[in-house]
């Protein structure tokens, strides 16, 4: 049997993971869902190929990742670099911080959204502010 394309597999995995969230994910989602945090629309287990991120505010190109003891800092750093290169800002929090310092985590998310994205969305085809009329 041939495997379906990567995005299809990721979407299937996302659906499965939404039903098996960690305690930290459930607690943070309670605050993020339905635009409860500052009117921001977040999606959980969101696909940004080839990754599946914990939470994403697409409008502000902000990814929020929760890390537990199973996370490897080196692979997380590579993932963060790739998402940053795609124009996303990435915030990482330990599960323990979400569970015990929820208000501080929520404040950090709001502060990140309030700051302009240092990595603007790249223009299509690599065209930027160049040319004789710019």
C-alpha atoms as a PDB file:
ATOM      1  CA  UNK A   1       0.000   0.000   0.000  1.00  0.00           C
ATOM      2  CA  UNK A   2       1.306   3.459  -0.929  1.00  0.00           C
ATOM      3  CA  UNK A   3       1.454   6.041   1.849  1.00  0.00           C
ATOM      4  CA  UNK A   4      -0.676   9.151   1.314  1.00  0.00           C
ATOM      5  CA  UNK A   5       1.160  12.451   0.727  1.00  0.00           C
ATOM      6  CA  UNK A   6       2.852  14.043   3.735  1.00  0.00           C
ATOM      7  CA  UNK A   7       0.235  16.787   4.327  1.00  0.00           C
ATOM      8  CA  UNK A   8      -2.522  14.148   4.416  1.00  0.00           C
ATOM      9  CA  UNK A   9      -0.620  12.057   6.960  1.00  0.00           C
ATOM     10  CA  UNK A  10       0.078  15.154   9.051  1.00  0.00           C
ATOM     11  CA  UNK A  11      -3.594  16.141   9.058  1.00  0.00           C
ATOM     12  CA  UNK A  12      -4.563  12.631  10.162  1.00  0.00           C
ATOM     13  CA  UNK A  13      -1.945  12.734  12.926  1.00  0.00           C
ATOM     14  CA  UNK A  14      -3.157  16.189  14.001  1.00  0.00           C
ATOM     15  CA  UNK A  15      -6.697  14.883  14.341  1.00  0.00           C
ATOM     16  CA  UNK A  16      -5.459  12.004  16.484  1.00  0.00           C
ATOM     17  CA  UNK A  17      -3.311  14.268  18.667  1.00  0.00           C
ATOM     18  CA  UNK A  18      -6.182  16.683  19.315  1.00  0.00           C
ATOM     19  CA  UNK A  19      -7.949  13.813  21.053  1.00  0.00           C
ATOM     20  CA  UNK A  20      -4.895  12.840  23.103  1.00  0.00           C
ATOM     21  CA  UNK A  21      -3.592  16.145  24.404  1.00  0.00           C
ATOM     22  CA  UNK A  22      -1.365  16.476  27.457  1.00  0.00           C
ATOM     23  CA  UNK A  23      -2.556  18.186  30.637  1.00  0.00           C
ATOM     24  CA  UNK A  24      -0.484  21.259  29.735  1.00  0.00           C
ATOM     25  CA  UNK A  25      -1.948  21.400  26.213  1.00  0.00           C
ATOM     26  CA  UNK A  26      -5.477  21.084  27.604  1.00  0.00           C
ATOM     27  CA  UNK A  27      -4.883  23.860  30.133  1.00  0.00           C
ATOM     28  CA  UNK A  28      -3.376  26.251  27.593  1.00  0.00           C
ATOM     29  CA  UNK A  29      -6.058  25.437  25.004  1.00  0.00           C
ATOM     30  CA  UNK A  30      -8.720  26.348  27.574  1.00  0.00           C
ATOM     31  CA  UNK A  31      -7.262  29.896  27.532  1.00  0.00           C
ATOM     32  CA  UNK A  32      -6.535  30.117  23.783  1.00  0.00           C
ATOM     33  CA  UNK A  33      -9.656  28.569  22.250  1.00  0.00           C
ATOM     34  CA  UNK A  34     -12.510  30.656  20.906  1.00  0.00           C
ATOM     35  CA  UNK A  35     -10.319  33.798  20.797  1.00  0.00           C
ATOM     36  CA  UNK A  36     -10.350  34.013  24.613  1.00  0.00           C
ATOM     37  CA  UNK A  37      -6.850  35.484  24.792  1.00  0.00           C
ATOM     38  CA  UNK A  38      -6.978  39.040  23.508  1.00  0.00           C
ATOM     39  CA  UNK A  39      -9.305  38.104  20.652  1.00  0.00           C
ATOM     40  CA  UNK A  40      -6.543  36.040  19.002  1.00  0.00           C
ATOM     41  CA  UNK A  41      -7.589  33.045  16.951  1.00  0.00           C
ATOM     42  CA  UNK A  42      -5.371  30.062  17.679  1.00  0.00           C
ATOM     43  CA  UNK A  43      -5.452  26.636  16.085  1.00  0.00           C
ATOM     44  CA  UNK A  44      -4.174  23.554  17.858  1.00  0.00           C
ATOM     45  CA  UNK A  45      -2.146  20.747  16.327  1.00  0.00           C
ATOM     46  CA  UNK A  46      -1.736  22.904  13.233  1.00  0.00           C
ATOM     47  CA  UNK A  47       0.085  21.630  10.160  1.00  0.00           C
ATOM     48  CA  UNK A  48       2.978  23.694   8.789  1.00  0.00           C
ATOM     49  CA  UNK A  49       4.618  21.087   6.526  1.00  0.00           C
ATOM     50  CA  UNK A  50       6.675  19.180   7.376  1.00  0.00           C
ATOM     51  CA  UNK A  51       5.786  20.016  11.000  1.00  0.00           C
ATOM     52  CA  UNK A  52       2.817  19.679  13.273  1.00  0.00           C
ATOM     53  CA  UNK A  53       2.884  22.522  15.815  1.00  0.00           C
ATOM     54  CA  UNK A  54       1.060  22.589  19.136  1.00  0.00           C
ATOM     55  CA  UNK A  55      -0.662  25.973  18.665  1.00  0.00           C
ATOM     56  CA  UNK A  56      -0.580  28.578  15.916  1.00  0.00           C
ATOM     57  CA  UNK A  57      -2.011  32.060  15.523  1.00  0.00           C
ATOM     58  CA  UNK A  58      -1.917  32.248  11.736  1.00  0.00           C
ATOM     59  CA  UNK A  59      -2.812  35.942  11.569  1.00  0.00           C
ATOM     60  CA  UNK A  60       0.275  36.894  13.589  1.00  0.00           C
ATOM     61  CA  UNK A  61       2.419  33.987  12.328  1.00  0.00           C
ATOM     62  CA  UNK A  62       3.062  32.919  15.918  1.00  0.00           C
ATOM     63  CA  UNK A  63       3.707  29.311  16.907  1.00  0.00           C
ATOM     64  CA  UNK A  64       3.474  28.198  20.537  1.00  0.00           C
ATOM     65  CA  UNK A  65       5.183  24.919  21.362  1.00  0.00           C
ATOM     66  CA  UNK A  66       4.969  23.069  24.673  1.00  0.00           C
ATOM     67  CA  UNK A  67       7.922  20.952  25.663  1.00  0.00           C
ATOM     68  CA  UNK A  68       7.971  18.088  28.111  1.00  0.00           C
ATOM     69  CA  UNK A  69      10.804  15.917  29.327  1.00  0.00           C
ATOM     70  CA  UNK A  70      10.787  13.947  26.052  1.00  0.00           C
ATOM     71  CA  UNK A  71      11.843  16.950  23.955  1.00  0.00           C
ATOM     72  CA  UNK A  72      15.359  17.100  22.577  1.00  0.00           C
ATOM     73  CA  UNK A  73      16.801  20.619  22.607  1.00  0.00           C
ATOM     74  CA  UNK A  74      18.884  20.053  19.482  1.00  0.00           C
ATOM     75  CA  UNK A  75      15.996  18.832  17.320  1.00  0.00           C
ATOM     76  CA  UNK A  76      13.715  21.523  18.801  1.00  0.00           C
ATOM     77  CA  UNK A  77      16.291  24.157  17.819  1.00  0.00           C
ATOM     78  CA  UNK A  78      16.342  22.856  14.238  1.00  0.00           C
ATOM     79  CA  UNK A  79      12.567  22.867  14.117  1.00  0.00           C
ATOM     80  CA  UNK A  80      12.482  26.431  15.450  1.00  0.00           C
ATOM     81  CA  UNK A  81      15.033  27.555  12.812  1.00  0.00           C
ATOM     82  CA  UNK A  82      12.954  25.995  10.026  1.00  0.00           C
ATOM     83  CA  UNK A  83       9.710  27.571  11.252  1.00  0.00           C
ATOM     84  CA  UNK A  84      11.468  30.929  11.656  1.00  0.00           C
ATOM     85  CA  UNK A  85      12.805  30.668   8.107  1.00  0.00           C
ATOM     86  CA  UNK A  86       9.195  30.148   6.981  1.00  0.00           C
ATOM     87  CA  UNK A  87       8.255  33.460   8.639  1.00  0.00           C
ATOM     88  CA  UNK A  88       6.895  32.217  11.974  1.00  0.00           C
ATOM     89  CA  UNK A  89       7.905  33.364  15.419  1.00  0.00           C
ATOM     90  CA  UNK A  90       8.201  30.443  17.815  1.00  0.00           C
ATOM     91  CA  UNK A  91       7.595  30.578  21.556  1.00  0.00           C
ATOM     92  CA  UNK A  92       8.540  27.528  23.601  1.00  0.00           C
ATOM     93  CA  UNK A  93       7.313  26.797  27.093  1.00  0.00           C
ATOM     94  CA  UNK A  94       7.907  23.857  29.385  1.00  0.00           C
ATOM     95  CA  UNK A  95       4.767  21.931  30.276  1.00  0.00           C
ATOM     96  CA  UNK A  96       5.499  22.629  33.935  1.00  0.00           C
ATOM     97  CA  UNK A  97       5.414  26.397  33.283  1.00  0.00           C
ATOM     98  CA  UNK A  98       2.021  26.140  31.609  1.00  0.00           C
ATOM     99  CA  UNK A  99       0.671  24.146  34.551  1.00  0.00           C
ATOM    100  CA  UNK A 100       2.172  26.230  37.364  1.00  0.00           C
ATOM    101  CA  UNK A 101       2.719  29.700  35.849  1.00  0.00           C
ATOM    102  CA  UNK A 102      -0.171  29.963  33.413  1.00  0.00           C
ATOM    103  CA  UNK A 103      -0.628  33.731  33.709  1.00  0.00           C
ATOM    104  CA  UNK A 104       3.053  34.359  32.919  1.00  0.00           C
ATOM    105  CA  UNK A 105       2.800  32.142  29.821  1.00  0.00           C
ATOM    106  CA  UNK A 106      -0.325  33.971  28.642  1.00  0.00           C
ATOM    107  CA  UNK A 107       1.387  37.347  29.194  1.00  0.00           C
ATOM    108  CA  UNK A 108       4.404  36.201  27.166  1.00  0.00           C
ATOM    109  CA  UNK A 109       2.110  35.193  24.288  1.00  0.00           C
ATOM    110  CA  UNK A 110       0.345  38.570  24.350  1.00  0.00           C
ATOM    111  CA  UNK A 111       3.690  40.404  24.469  1.00  0.00           C
ATOM    112  CA  UNK A 112       4.952  38.447  21.465  1.00  0.00           C
ATOM    113  CA  UNK A 113       1.873  39.371  19.437  1.00  0.00           C
ATOM    114  CA  UNK A 114       2.211  43.032  20.413  1.00  0.00           C
ATOM    115  CA  UNK A 115       5.749  43.189  18.972  1.00  0.00           C
ATOM    116  CA  UNK A 116       6.142  43.427  15.199  1.00  0.00           C
ATOM    117  CA  UNK A 117       7.372  40.242  13.570  1.00  0.00           C
ATOM    118  CA  UNK A 118      11.095  40.674  12.877  1.00  0.00           C
ATOM    119  CA  UNK A 119      10.764  38.213   9.994  1.00  0.00           C
ATOM    120  CA  UNK A 120       8.184  39.669   7.609  1.00  0.00           C
ATOM    121  CA  UNK A 121       6.305  37.340   5.330  1.00  0.00           C
ATOM    122  CA  UNK A 122       8.499  36.924   2.235  1.00  0.00           C
ATOM    123  CA  UNK A 123       7.076  38.333  -0.951  1.00  0.00           C
ATOM    124  CA  UNK A 124       6.077  35.853  -3.667  1.00  0.00           C
ATOM    125  CA  UNK A 125       8.793  35.055  -6.161  1.00  0.00           C
ATOM    126  CA  UNK A 126      11.432  36.774  -4.035  1.00  0.00           C
ATOM    127  CA  UNK A 127      10.381  40.269  -5.141  1.00  0.00           C
ATOM    128  CA  UNK A 128      10.932  42.943  -2.552  1.00  0.00           C
ATOM    129  CA  UNK A 129      11.200  46.684  -2.300  1.00  0.00           C
ATOM    130  CA  UNK A 130      13.614  47.072  -5.182  1.00  0.00           C
ATOM    131  CA  UNK A 131      13.491  48.629  -8.571  1.00  0.00           C
ATOM    132  CA  UNK A 132      13.633  52.142  -9.975  1.00  0.00           C
ATOM    133  CA  UNK A 133      10.379  53.377  -8.409  1.00  0.00           C
ATOM    134  CA  UNK A 134      11.253  52.293  -4.857  1.00  0.00           C
END
